[in-house]
Amino acid sequence: MHASYRERYLCEIGHRNRSQRYIPAENNPDHLNYPTIEISKQWDSQRLCIRVTLVTVSSEQVPVICIHPYPIDTSELNVIKDIEKNTHYFPISEEELNQGRKSFRISRRKLTQHELRNYGQLCPLNKDEKDILRTDNPHDVRRIIDIYQLGKSQLFFSIAELVYDDLLPYIYDETSVYSHIMTANKTTHINNNKSFVRCVPTKGRWNGGDNILMIIPKLDKRKICQVLDLINKFHQLNEVL
């Protein structure tokens, strides 16, 4: 099964931007809004937490699962973050233990081509080593995106427990489970004379306030270009009427 969502760049999920979004849950009979896991009643320790890692999806080209380079983040409190392994450890409250369920508000940020080029080789999950070279040119970002299918991802969940002398919780590997495959929606673009303009987000709040990122790969300086504010035009028309 697949769940779809729209990828967002840093400018869309910053603290000052109202358009911050979390990874949504797919349609489900319990009407859960965010990715959710069930916790067995046998786990009753107050030092428990859930390890969440964003990973790639294995394929014929890459038959191993790697840590996904697009960073995840959360606004939840008391979360231990292992940035290098793109992993978060979420504490479990007593209420969540009693309910046997925990939901996660997680954002996923798409890297720019420049950031991805500087990221380096991906690392296989649960291994302290780099993946083998799978392209002739390790700086060919588009090829890397294609080979590792970075438009797809999964969340990898494991129960973990805080240990007094360790900086990171101890992971119970036997409890690990993958989410459904998440697929990013393609950015809508406008085709005009073999050039195109991309705008994100494609939809905004009715009362405004969203930051809009417009990408114009080619600009014909011989033509006069304008950015039309349809909202203001609409208000002006109402005043005339």
Protein backbone atom coordinates (compact mmCIF):
# COMPACT_ATOMS: atom_id res chain seq x y z
CA MET A 1 0.00 0.00 0.00
CA HIS A 2 1.14 3.55 -0.70
CA ALA A 3 0.48 6.91 0.93
CA SER A 4 1.12 10.14 -0.97
CA TYR A 5 2.17 13.58 0.23
CA ARG A 6 3.79 16.72 -1.16
CA GLU A 7 7.50 17.28 -0.65
CA ARG A 8 8.51 20.59 0.93
CA TYR A 9 11.72 22.57 0.89
CA LEU A 10 13.18 24.36 3.91
CA CYS A 11 11.54 27.67 2.97
CA GLU A 12 8.12 26.02 3.29
CA ILE A 13 8.50 24.46 6.73
CA GLY A 14 10.40 27.13 8.64
CA HIS A 15 9.19 28.40 12.00
CA ARG A 16 7.87 31.63 10.45
CA ASN A 17 5.99 29.91 7.67
CA ARG A 18 2.35 28.99 8.20
CA SER A 19 2.41 26.23 5.62
CA GLN A 20 4.33 23.73 7.77
CA ARG A 21 2.91 20.30 7.22
CA TYR A 22 3.43 16.90 8.80
CA ILE A 23 3.50 13.56 7.01
CA PRO A 24 -0.16 12.48 6.92
CA ALA A 25 -1.55 9.04 7.57
CA GLU A 26 -3.22 7.26 4.70
CA ASN A 27 -6.97 6.74 4.84
CA ASN A 28 -7.82 4.46 7.74
CA PRO A 29 -10.99 3.30 9.56
CA ASP A 30 -9.85 4.95 12.82
CA HIS A 31 -9.55 8.37 11.13
CA LEU A 32 -5.99 8.85 12.39
CA ASN A 33 -4.34 11.99 11.02
CA TYR A 34 -0.69 11.01 11.42
CA PRO A 35 1.43 7.83 11.24
CA THR A 36 0.50 5.68 14.23
CA ILE A 37 1.79 2.43 15.70
CA GLU A 38 0.30 0.04 18.24
CA ILE A 39 2.21 -0.73 21.44
CA SER A 40 1.76 -4.10 23.11
CA LYS A 41 0.60 -4.09 26.74
CA GLN A 42 3.68 -6.12 27.69
CA TRP A 43 5.79 -2.96 27.44
CA ASP A 44 5.24 -1.08 30.68
CA SER A 45 8.59 0.57 31.38
CA GLN A 46 8.53 4.33 31.93
CA ARG A 47 11.86 4.61 30.10
CA LEU A 48 10.50 3.38 26.79
CA CYS A 49 10.60 5.39 23.58
CA ILE A 50 10.00 4.79 19.89
CA ARG A 51 12.86 5.02 17.43
CA VAL A 52 11.78 6.50 14.07
CA THR A 53 14.09 6.55 11.05
CA LEU A 54 13.34 7.65 7.50
CA VAL A 55 14.64 5.03 5.06
CA THR A 56 14.73 4.36 1.33
CA VAL A 57 12.73 1.66 -0.43
CA SER A 58 14.65 -1.36 -1.72
CA SER A 59 14.51 -2.10 -5.44
CA GLU A 60 16.21 -4.21 -8.10
CA GLN A 61 18.77 -1.46 -8.65
CA VAL A 62 19.42 -1.00 -4.92
CA PRO A 63 18.47 -4.20 -3.05
CA VAL A 64 19.43 -2.72 0.33
CA ILE A 65 17.58 -0.26 2.56
CA CYS A 66 19.50 2.92 3.32
CA ILE A 67 19.00 5.90 5.58
CA HIS A 68 17.07 8.42 3.52
CA PRO A 69 18.98 11.69 3.01
CA TYR A 70 15.89 13.92 3.32
CA PRO A 71 15.87 14.97 7.00
CA ILE A 72 12.88 14.45 9.26
CA ASP A 73 11.97 16.72 12.15
CA THR A 74 9.28 17.24 14.76
CA SER A 75 7.97 19.97 17.03
CA GLU A 76 7.25 17.50 19.84
CA LEU A 77 9.13 18.02 23.10
CA ASN A 78 11.72 15.78 24.79
CA VAL A 79 12.62 14.01 21.56
CA ILE A 80 16.19 12.69 21.26
CA LYS A 81 17.52 13.43 17.79
CA ASP A 82 20.31 11.50 16.08
CA ILE A 83 20.78 13.84 13.11
CA GLU A 84 23.55 11.80 11.48
CA LYS A 85 21.29 8.75 11.18
CA ASN A 86 18.13 10.75 10.46
CA THR A 87 16.58 9.17 13.55
CA HIS A 88 14.34 10.49 16.32
CA TYR A 89 13.53 8.83 19.65
CA PHE A 90 10.03 9.76 20.81
CA PRO A 91 9.13 9.28 24.49
CA ILE A 92 5.99 7.30 25.30
CA SER A 93 3.60 8.79 27.83
CA GLU A 94 1.66 6.75 30.37
CA GLU A 95 -1.55 7.66 28.55
CA GLU A 96 -0.15 6.32 25.28
CA LEU A 97 0.92 3.10 27.00
CA ASN A 98 -2.58 2.65 28.39
CA GLN A 99 -4.11 3.34 24.99
CA GLY A 100 -1.63 1.00 23.31
CA ARG A 101 -1.09 3.51 20.52
CA LYS A 102 1.20 6.40 19.62
CA SER A 103 0.97 8.90 16.75
CA PHE A 104 3.84 10.91 15.30
CA ARG A 105 3.87 14.44 13.90
CA ILE A 106 6.87 14.32 11.61
CA SER A 107 7.90 16.66 8.82
CA ARG A 108 10.14 15.58 5.96
CA ARG A 109 12.29 18.15 4.16
CA LYS A 110 13.36 17.74 0.57
CA LEU A 111 17.00 18.59 -0.08
CA THR A 112 17.98 20.92 -2.89
CA GLN A 113 20.29 19.54 -5.57
CA HIS A 114 23.19 21.44 -4.00
CA GLU A 115 22.49 19.92 -0.57
CA LEU A 116 22.10 16.43 -2.00
CA ARG A 117 25.35 16.78 -3.96
CA ASN A 118 27.18 17.61 -0.72
CA TYR A 119 25.46 14.83 1.24
CA GLY A 120 27.79 12.11 0.00
CA GLN A 121 27.12 8.39 -0.22
CA LEU A 122 24.08 6.97 1.52
CA CYS A 123 24.47 4.58 4.47
CA PRO A 124 22.71 1.20 4.76
CA LEU A 125 20.28 0.97 7.67
CA ASN A 126 21.80 -0.22 10.97
CA LYS A 127 25.34 -0.25 9.57
CA ASP A 128 28.25 2.08 10.27
CA GLU A 129 29.47 2.12 6.69
CA LYS A 130 28.73 3.78 3.36
CA ASP A 131 26.82 2.11 0.57
CA ILE A 132 28.78 0.99 -2.48
CA LEU A 133 29.07 3.40 -5.41
CA ARG A 134 26.09 2.85 -7.70
CA THR A 135 26.81 5.60 -10.26
CA ASP A 136 29.82 6.47 -12.38
CA ASN A 137 29.52 10.06 -11.20
CA PRO A 138 28.73 10.35 -7.45
CA HIS A 139 27.86 14.03 -7.99
CA ASP A 140 25.16 13.30 -10.58
CA VAL A 141 22.23 14.27 -8.35
CA ARG A 142 19.48 13.36 -10.79
CA ARG A 143 20.97 9.90 -11.25
CA ILE A 144 21.17 9.40 -7.48
CA ILE A 145 17.53 10.45 -7.07
CA ASP A 146 16.55 7.98 -9.80
CA ILE A 147 18.62 5.01 -8.59
CA TYR A 148 17.63 5.29 -4.93
CA GLN A 149 14.07 6.37 -5.81
CA LEU A 150 14.25 9.23 -3.33
CA GLY A 151 10.70 10.25 -4.18
CA LYS A 152 9.69 7.19 -2.14
CA SER A 153 10.40 6.55 1.52
CA GLN A 154 9.31 4.58 4.57
CA LEU A 155 9.31 5.23 8.29
CA PHE A 156 11.13 2.56 10.29
CA PHE A 157 9.81 2.11 13.85
CA SER A 158 11.42 0.26 16.76
CA ILE A 159 10.81 0.16 20.49
CA ALA A 160 13.83 1.45 22.41
CA GLU A 161 14.66 2.00 26.06
CA LEU A 162 16.69 4.68 27.78
CA VAL A 163 19.84 3.37 29.45
CA TYR A 164 21.52 5.46 32.13
CA ASP A 165 25.09 5.36 30.77
CA ASP A 166 24.27 5.64 27.05
CA LEU A 167 23.57 8.81 25.10
CA LEU A 168 21.15 6.99 22.80
CA PRO A 169 18.46 4.50 23.82
CA TYR A 170 18.93 0.76 23.39
CA ILE A 171 16.95 -0.53 20.39
CA TYR A 172 14.95 -3.76 20.50
CA ASP A 173 15.47 -4.85 16.89
CA GLU A 174 12.87 -7.62 17.11
CA THR A 175 10.14 -4.99 17.49
CA SER A 176 11.01 -3.15 14.27
CA VAL A 177 8.36 -2.51 11.65
CA TYR A 178 8.10 -0.47 8.44
CA SER A 179 5.37 1.95 7.49
CA HIS A 180 3.61 1.79 4.16
CA ILE A 181 5.60 3.21 1.26
CA MET A 182 5.16 6.98 1.02
CA THR A 183 5.32 8.53 -2.43
CA ALA A 184 5.87 12.23 -3.04
CA ASN A 185 3.44 14.02 -5.34
CA LYS A 186 4.99 15.58 -8.40
CA THR A 187 5.23 19.37 -8.40
CA THR A 188 2.72 20.91 -10.76
CA HIS A 189 4.34 22.91 -13.55
CA ILE A 190 3.18 25.10 -16.39
CA ASN A 191 4.51 24.40 -19.87
CA ASN A 192 4.98 27.54 -21.95
CA ASN A 193 7.15 27.65 -25.10
CA LYS A 194 9.25 24.69 -23.94
CA SER A 195 10.05 26.42 -20.65
CA PHE A 196 8.16 26.02 -17.39
CA VAL A 197 7.58 27.80 -14.14
CA ARG A 198 7.14 25.87 -10.92
CA CYS A 199 5.42 27.30 -7.88
CA VAL A 200 5.23 25.79 -4.40
CA PRO A 201 2.92 25.47 -2.65
CA THR A 202 0.37 25.05 -5.44
CA LYS A 203 -2.42 25.92 -3.00
CA GLY A 204 -2.48 28.34 -0.10
CA ARG A 205 -4.63 29.67 2.69
CA TRP A 206 -7.63 31.79 1.64
CA ASN A 207 -6.67 34.60 4.03
CA GLY A 208 -3.11 34.67 2.68
CA GLY A 209 0.14 34.77 4.62
CA ASP A 210 1.87 31.89 2.80
CA ASN A 211 5.36 32.27 1.36
CA ILE A 212 5.45 31.38 -2.34
CA LEU A 213 8.57 29.99 -4.02
CA MET A 214 8.64 30.50 -7.80
CA ILE A 215 11.30 28.71 -9.85
CA ILE A 216 11.90 30.09 -13.36
CA PRO A 217 14.60 28.00 -15.11
CA LYS A 218 14.56 30.04 -18.33
CA LEU A 219 13.65 33.68 -18.76
CA ASP A 220 13.25 35.27 -22.18
CA LYS A 221 14.46 38.83 -21.61
CA ARG A 222 12.97 39.88 -24.93
CA LYS A 223 9.48 39.48 -23.48
CA ILE A 224 7.82 41.58 -20.81
CA CYS A 225 6.95 39.37 -17.83
CA GLN A 226 4.46 40.18 -15.10
CA VAL A 227 3.37 38.50 -11.89
CA LEU A 228 -0.40 38.94 -11.60
CA ASP A 229 -1.97 39.15 -8.15
CA LEU A 230 -5.38 37.61 -8.77
CA ILE A 231 -6.59 38.16 -5.21
CA ASN A 232 -6.09 41.94 -5.33
CA LYS A 233 -7.66 42.06 -8.79
CA PHE A 234 -10.67 40.21 -7.41
CA HIS A 235 -11.07 42.68 -4.53
CA GLN A 236 -10.76 45.65 -6.90
CA LEU A 237 -13.48 44.16 -9.10
CA ASN A 238 -15.78 43.76 -6.09
CA GLU A 239 -15.28 47.41 -5.15
CA VAL A 240 -16.24 48.51 -8.66
CA LEU A 241 -19.35 46.34 -8.62
